[in-house]
Amino acid sequence: MVALTALWLPVLVAGAVVFFASSIIHMFLPYHRKDFGGLPEEDKVMEALRGVDVPPGDYVMPYAGGDPQVMKSDEFRAKVEAGPVAFMTVLPKNDPMAMGPQLMQWFVYCVVVSVFAAYVTSRALGPGAEYLSVHRFAGVTAFAAYGLALAQRSIWFHQSWTTTFKSMFDALVYGMLTGGIFGWLWPS
C-alpha cells in the first residue's frame, strides 16, 4: 500500500496532461464537430424562446412534473404524439461562450479523477509495483470516471450513441494517459 500523499505528483501531472489532451482533441481533431446539429428554422425557434424569457436550467417538453398520473393522461399523450419532445439546457445570457469557468472546473475534475485513480491504485499496489500493474489500476479507474456514466445520456435522454461512443473513446485516451503517468511516476 502507498500513502495517498506520496502520489501528489502523478495526481497533478495526470490531471494536467488529461486537461491538455482534451484541449487538443476538441480544438484540433474534427470528430466532435458534428456532435450537435442545428435546428430547422433556428432563428424562429430562438425568437419564440426569447419571447418567453426561459431562465437558465434543464428542461423537458412536454413536462409532466414527474407525476406518473400526468404521463398517463390523454392530454399529455397528445402532446407527446404531436411533438416535439425535447430535453434542453438553457445557458445564462451573460456570454455563455466564455469558457474560463468551465475550463477551471474541468481541470479540477481532472485532478479529482486522478485522486480517485491514486486512491484505488494505492490500495491495490505497493511501492515498486511494476509499470503495467500500476497502469492497469489507475487507467481503468480513470476510464470509469471519465467515461462509463456517459452512456446514461444515450439511454435516458436519447443522445446519439455515436456522440456517446466518441466521448467514451476520449475517456479511454484519458484513462490510458492517466495510467501511463501513474506507471511512470509510481514510487519505488
Foldseek 3Di string as FASTA:
>chain_A
DDDLVLCPVLLLVLLVVLLVVVVCCVPPPPPCVVLDDADVVNVVVVVVCVVVPDAFDKDWPPDDPPDVVSCPDPVRVVRVVVDDTAIDGDDHPPPPVPCVVVSVVSSVLSSVLLSQLSVQLPVVDDAPDALVSQLVSSLVSQLCSQADVLVVCCVPHVRDVSNNVVSSVSSNVSSNSSSNSCSVSGHD
